[in-house]
């Protein structure tokens, strides 16, 4: 799944191999090399930029989790990377919903 940001010339690409790849056309050299990559434990089934806050995006994975991420914490120098950029985590699996309701 590929998503182009409305704020700049950036793209996010999610994959079954568990990666989220960040592309910035302003920094791109020849080829379609990703500027940064997040590696997760499960397949990433979707990625979506926040409609009004340019540094926030959401990912979903094969385990039924949705994560709100901050690109300032997810990409860039290794010193600035924190928890894959995750700022909030939600589980959508039926088992976790049942446990939360008990």
N, C-alpha and C. Protein backbone atom coordinates (compact mmCIF):
# COMPACT_ATOMS: atom_id res chain seq x y z
N UNK A 1 0.85 -1.15 0.00
CA UNK A 1 0.00 0.00 0.00
C UNK A 1 0.90 1.22 0.00
N UNK A 2 0.66 2.16 -0.88
CA UNK A 2 1.45 3.37 -0.95
C UNK A 2 0.55 4.56 -0.68
N UNK A 3 1.05 5.52 0.07
CA UNK A 3 0.28 6.69 0.42
C UNK A 3 1.13 7.93 0.21
N UNK A 4 0.57 8.93 -0.46
CA UNK A 4 1.27 10.18 -0.69
C UNK A 4 0.70 11.23 0.24
N UNK A 5 1.58 11.95 0.91
CA UNK A 5 1.16 12.97 1.85
C UNK A 5 0.63 14.20 1.13
N UNK A 6 -0.37 14.82 1.70
CA UNK A 6 -0.90 16.06 1.15
C UNK A 6 -0.04 17.25 1.55
N UNK A 7 0.88 17.08 2.49
CA UNK A 7 1.65 18.19 3.03
C UNK A 7 2.94 18.46 2.28
N UNK A 8 3.55 17.46 1.73
CA UNK A 8 4.80 17.63 1.01
C UNK A 8 4.93 16.49 0.02
N UNK A 9 6.07 16.36 -0.51
CA UNK A 9 6.28 15.30 -1.49
C UNK A 9 6.89 14.10 -0.77
N UNK A 10 6.12 13.53 0.13
CA UNK A 10 6.57 12.34 0.87
C UNK A 10 5.59 11.21 0.65
N UNK A 11 6.10 10.00 0.78
CA UNK A 11 5.27 8.81 0.60
C UNK A 11 5.60 7.82 1.70
N UNK A 12 4.60 7.06 2.11
CA UNK A 12 4.79 5.93 3.01
C UNK A 12 4.33 4.69 2.28
N UNK A 13 5.05 3.61 2.44
CA UNK A 13 4.73 2.36 1.78
C UNK A 13 4.77 1.25 2.84
N UNK A 14 3.67 0.50 2.95
CA UNK A 14 3.64 -0.61 3.92
C UNK A 14 3.73 -1.93 3.16
N UNK A 15 4.16 -2.97 3.88
CA UNK A 15 4.41 -4.23 3.20
C UNK A 15 4.11 -5.42 4.10
N UNK A 16 3.85 -6.56 3.45
CA UNK A 16 3.64 -7.82 4.17
C UNK A 16 4.90 -8.28 4.88
N UNK A 17 6.06 -7.76 4.49
CA UNK A 17 7.31 -8.17 5.15
C UNK A 17 7.52 -7.44 6.49
N UNK A 18 6.54 -6.64 6.91
CA UNK A 18 6.61 -5.97 8.20
C UNK A 18 7.30 -4.62 8.18
N UNK A 19 7.50 -4.06 7.00
CA UNK A 19 8.19 -2.78 6.92
C UNK A 19 7.24 -1.64 6.57
N UNK A 20 7.61 -0.46 7.06
CA UNK A 20 7.01 0.80 6.62
C UNK A 20 8.18 1.61 6.08
N UNK A 21 8.09 1.97 4.82
CA UNK A 21 9.18 2.70 4.16
C UNK A 21 8.76 4.14 3.91
N UNK A 22 9.68 5.06 4.19
CA UNK A 22 9.45 6.49 4.02
C UNK A 22 10.26 6.99 2.84
N UNK A 23 9.60 7.66 1.93
CA UNK A 23 10.25 8.24 0.75
C UNK A 23 10.04 9.75 0.76
N UNK A 24 11.08 10.50 0.47
CA UNK A 24 10.98 11.95 0.35
C UNK A 24 11.55 12.32 -1.02
N UNK A 25 10.67 12.76 -1.92
CA UNK A 25 11.08 13.05 -3.30
C UNK A 25 12.13 14.16 -3.36
N UNK A 26 12.17 15.03 -2.36
CA UNK A 26 13.14 16.12 -2.36
C UNK A 26 14.55 15.60 -2.11
N UNK A 27 14.68 14.47 -1.43
CA UNK A 27 15.99 13.91 -1.09
C UNK A 27 16.35 12.71 -1.95
N UNK A 28 15.43 12.29 -2.78
CA UNK A 28 15.64 11.08 -3.57
C UNK A 28 16.72 11.26 -4.63
N UNK A 29 17.57 10.28 -4.67
CA UNK A 29 18.57 10.24 -5.74
C UNK A 29 17.99 9.35 -6.83
N UNK A 30 18.79 8.77 -7.65
CA UNK A 30 18.29 7.87 -8.68
C UNK A 30 17.69 6.63 -8.06
N UNK A 31 16.61 6.14 -8.67
CA UNK A 31 15.96 4.94 -8.17
C UNK A 31 14.93 5.28 -7.11
N UNK A 32 14.28 4.26 -6.61
CA UNK A 32 13.20 4.45 -5.64
C UNK A 32 13.66 4.01 -4.25
N UNK A 33 14.84 4.46 -3.84
CA UNK A 33 15.38 4.07 -2.55
C UNK A 33 14.64 4.78 -1.42
N UNK A 34 14.27 4.02 -0.41
CA UNK A 34 13.60 4.60 0.76
C UNK A 34 14.63 5.34 1.60
N UNK A 35 14.22 6.49 2.14
CA UNK A 35 15.11 7.24 3.02
C UNK A 35 15.19 6.60 4.39
N UNK A 36 14.09 6.02 4.87
CA UNK A 36 14.05 5.39 6.19
C UNK A 36 13.09 4.21 6.18
N UNK A 37 13.31 3.27 7.09
CA UNK A 37 12.48 2.07 7.18
C UNK A 37 12.21 1.75 8.65
N UNK A 38 10.95 1.40 8.95
CA UNK A 38 10.59 0.84 10.25
C UNK A 38 10.36 -0.64 10.03
N UNK A 39 10.98 -1.49 10.82
CA UNK A 39 10.76 -2.93 10.75
C UNK A 39 9.89 -3.35 11.92
N UNK A 40 8.76 -3.99 11.65
CA UNK A 40 7.86 -4.45 12.71
C UNK A 40 7.87 -5.97 12.78
N UNK A 41 7.23 -6.51 13.81
CA UNK A 41 7.21 -7.96 14.00
C UNK A 41 6.15 -8.65 13.14
N UNK A 42 5.11 -7.93 12.73
CA UNK A 42 4.02 -8.50 11.94
C UNK A 42 3.90 -7.79 10.60
N UNK A 43 3.14 -8.41 9.69
CA UNK A 43 2.89 -7.74 8.42
C UNK A 43 2.16 -6.42 8.66
N UNK A 44 2.48 -5.41 7.89
CA UNK A 44 1.80 -4.13 7.99
C UNK A 44 0.73 -4.12 6.91
N UNK A 45 -0.52 -4.02 7.33
CA UNK A 45 -1.64 -4.14 6.39
C UNK A 45 -2.15 -2.80 5.89
N UNK A 46 -1.73 -1.71 6.52
CA UNK A 46 -2.18 -0.40 6.06
C UNK A 46 -1.38 0.71 6.69
N UNK A 47 -1.37 1.84 6.00
CA UNK A 47 -0.70 3.04 6.50
C UNK A 47 -1.50 4.25 6.02
N UNK A 48 -1.65 5.24 6.87
CA UNK A 48 -2.45 6.42 6.51
C UNK A 48 -1.94 7.64 7.26
N UNK A 49 -1.69 8.73 6.54
CA UNK A 49 -1.31 9.99 7.18
C UNK A 49 -2.50 10.58 7.92
N UNK A 50 -2.23 11.31 9.00
CA UNK A 50 -3.26 12.08 9.70
C UNK A 50 -3.73 13.18 8.75
N UNK A 51 -5.03 13.49 8.70
CA UNK A 51 -5.52 14.46 7.72
C UNK A 51 -5.08 15.91 7.97
N UNK A 52 -4.71 16.27 9.19
CA UNK A 52 -4.34 17.67 9.44
C UNK A 52 -3.00 17.86 10.16
N UNK A 53 -2.46 16.82 10.77
CA UNK A 53 -1.18 16.94 11.47
C UNK A 53 -0.13 16.17 10.69
N UNK A 54 0.75 16.89 10.02
CA UNK A 54 1.63 16.28 9.03
C UNK A 54 2.61 15.26 9.57
N UNK A 55 2.98 15.29 10.85
CA UNK A 55 3.97 14.34 11.36
C UNK A 55 3.33 13.08 11.95
N UNK A 56 2.00 12.98 11.96
CA UNK A 56 1.33 11.79 12.50
C UNK A 56 0.84 10.88 11.38
N UNK A 57 0.96 9.58 11.59
CA UNK A 57 0.41 8.60 10.66
C UNK A 57 0.02 7.36 11.44
N UNK A 58 -0.89 6.59 10.89
CA UNK A 58 -1.36 5.37 11.54
C UNK A 58 -0.95 4.17 10.71
N UNK A 59 -0.65 3.07 11.40
CA UNK A 59 -0.39 1.80 10.73
C UNK A 59 -1.29 0.74 11.34
N UNK A 60 -1.62 -0.27 10.56
CA UNK A 60 -2.36 -1.43 11.06
C UNK A 60 -1.54 -2.66 10.72
N UNK A 61 -1.69 -3.71 11.53
CA UNK A 61 -0.91 -4.92 11.26
C UNK A 61 -1.78 -6.17 11.28
N UNK A 62 -1.19 -7.27 10.90
CA UNK A 62 -1.90 -8.54 10.80
C UNK A 62 -2.40 -9.09 12.12
N UNK A 63 -1.91 -8.56 13.24
CA UNK A 63 -2.35 -9.02 14.56
C UNK A 63 -3.55 -8.23 15.06
N UNK A 64 -4.08 -7.32 14.23
CA UNK A 64 -5.25 -6.55 14.60
C UNK A 64 -4.96 -5.30 15.40
N UNK A 65 -3.72 -4.85 15.38
CA UNK A 65 -3.36 -3.63 16.11
C UNK A 65 -3.32 -2.43 15.18
N UNK A 66 -3.74 -1.29 15.70
CA UNK A 66 -3.62 -0.01 15.01
C UNK A 66 -2.73 0.86 15.87
N UNK A 67 -1.73 1.48 15.25
CA UNK A 67 -0.79 2.29 16.00
C UNK A 67 -0.70 3.69 15.41
N UNK A 68 -0.83 4.67 16.27
CA UNK A 68 -0.61 6.06 15.87
C UNK A 68 0.88 6.31 16.05
N UNK A 69 1.51 6.81 15.00
CA UNK A 69 2.97 7.02 15.03
C UNK A 69 3.30 8.47 14.71
N UNK A 70 4.43 8.90 15.23
CA UNK A 70 4.95 10.25 14.99
C UNK A 70 6.21 10.10 14.14
N UNK A 71 6.20 10.67 12.95
CA UNK A 71 7.34 10.50 12.05
C UNK A 71 8.63 11.09 12.61
N UNK A 72 8.52 12.06 13.52
CA UNK A 72 9.72 12.65 14.13
C UNK A 72 10.41 11.65 15.06
N UNK A 73 9.65 10.69 15.59
CA UNK A 73 10.21 9.65 16.46
C UNK A 73 10.49 8.36 15.70
N UNK A 74 9.87 8.19 14.54
CA UNK A 74 9.98 6.93 13.79
C UNK A 74 11.13 6.94 12.79
N UNK A 75 11.42 8.10 12.22
CA UNK A 75 12.43 8.19 11.16
C UNK A 75 13.50 9.19 11.55
N UNK A 76 14.58 9.21 10.80
CA UNK A 76 15.66 10.15 11.07
C UNK A 76 16.83 9.46 11.75
N UNK A 77 17.64 10.25 12.43
CA UNK A 77 18.83 9.70 13.07
C UNK A 77 18.44 8.70 14.15
N UNK A 78 19.29 7.74 14.38
CA UNK A 78 19.01 6.69 15.37
C UNK A 78 18.84 7.26 16.78
N UNK A 79 19.48 8.37 17.06
CA UNK A 79 19.37 9.01 18.37
C UNK A 79 17.94 9.47 18.63
N UNK A 80 17.24 9.94 17.59
CA UNK A 80 15.89 10.47 17.73
C UNK A 80 14.80 9.41 17.64
N UNK A 81 15.13 8.20 17.21
CA UNK A 81 14.12 7.15 17.05
C UNK A 81 13.72 6.57 18.41
N UNK A 82 12.41 6.49 18.62
CA UNK A 82 11.88 5.99 19.89
C UNK A 82 10.70 5.08 19.62
N UNK A 83 10.78 3.81 20.03
CA UNK A 83 9.68 2.85 19.96
C UNK A 83 9.01 2.78 18.59
N UNK A 84 9.77 2.92 17.52
CA UNK A 84 9.19 2.87 16.18
C UNK A 84 8.24 4.02 15.91
N UNK A 85 8.33 5.06 16.72
CA UNK A 85 7.47 6.21 16.56
C UNK A 85 6.08 6.05 17.14
N UNK A 86 5.81 4.94 17.83
CA UNK A 86 4.47 4.67 18.35
C UNK A 86 4.16 5.62 19.51
N UNK A 87 3.05 6.36 19.38
CA UNK A 87 2.59 7.23 20.46
C UNK A 87 1.30 6.72 21.09
N UNK A 88 0.58 5.87 20.35
CA UNK A 88 -0.62 5.24 20.91
C UNK A 88 -0.87 3.93 20.18
N UNK A 89 -1.32 2.92 20.95
CA UNK A 89 -1.55 1.58 20.41
C UNK A 89 -2.97 1.15 20.75
N UNK A 90 -3.68 0.58 19.77
CA UNK A 90 -5.04 0.09 19.98
C UNK A 90 -5.11 -1.32 19.39
N UNK A 91 -5.70 -2.26 20.14
CA UNK A 91 -5.88 -3.61 19.63
C UNK A 91 -7.32 -3.77 19.19
N UNK A 92 -7.51 -4.28 17.99
CA UNK A 92 -8.86 -4.46 17.45
C UNK A 92 -9.26 -5.92 17.39
N UNK A 93 -8.46 -6.81 17.98
CA UNK A 93 -8.81 -8.23 17.94
C UNK A 93 -9.99 -8.51 18.86
N UNK A 94 -10.80 -9.50 18.52
CA UNK A 94 -11.99 -9.84 19.31
C UNK A 94 -11.62 -10.25 20.73
N UNK A 95 -10.53 -10.97 20.90
CA UNK A 95 -10.13 -11.43 22.23
C UNK A 95 -9.82 -10.25 23.15
N UNK A 96 -9.11 -9.26 22.64
CA UNK A 96 -8.76 -8.12 23.50
C UNK A 96 -9.98 -7.27 23.80
N UNK A 97 -10.91 -7.17 22.88
CA UNK A 97 -12.14 -6.40 23.12
C UNK A 97 -12.95 -7.10 24.21
N UNK A 98 -13.05 -8.43 24.17
CA UNK A 98 -13.77 -9.16 25.20
C UNK A 98 -13.13 -8.98 26.56
N UNK A 99 -11.80 -9.03 26.63
CA UNK A 99 -11.10 -8.86 27.90
C UNK A 99 -11.30 -7.47 28.46
N UNK A 100 -11.33 -6.45 27.60
CA UNK A 100 -11.51 -5.08 28.06
C UNK A 100 -12.91 -4.84 28.60
N UNK A 101 -13.88 -5.59 28.12
CA UNK A 101 -15.26 -5.40 28.53
C UNK A 101 -15.62 -6.18 29.80
N UNK A 102 -14.74 -7.01 30.31
CA UNK A 102 -15.04 -7.80 31.52
C UNK A 102 -14.78 -7.02 32.79
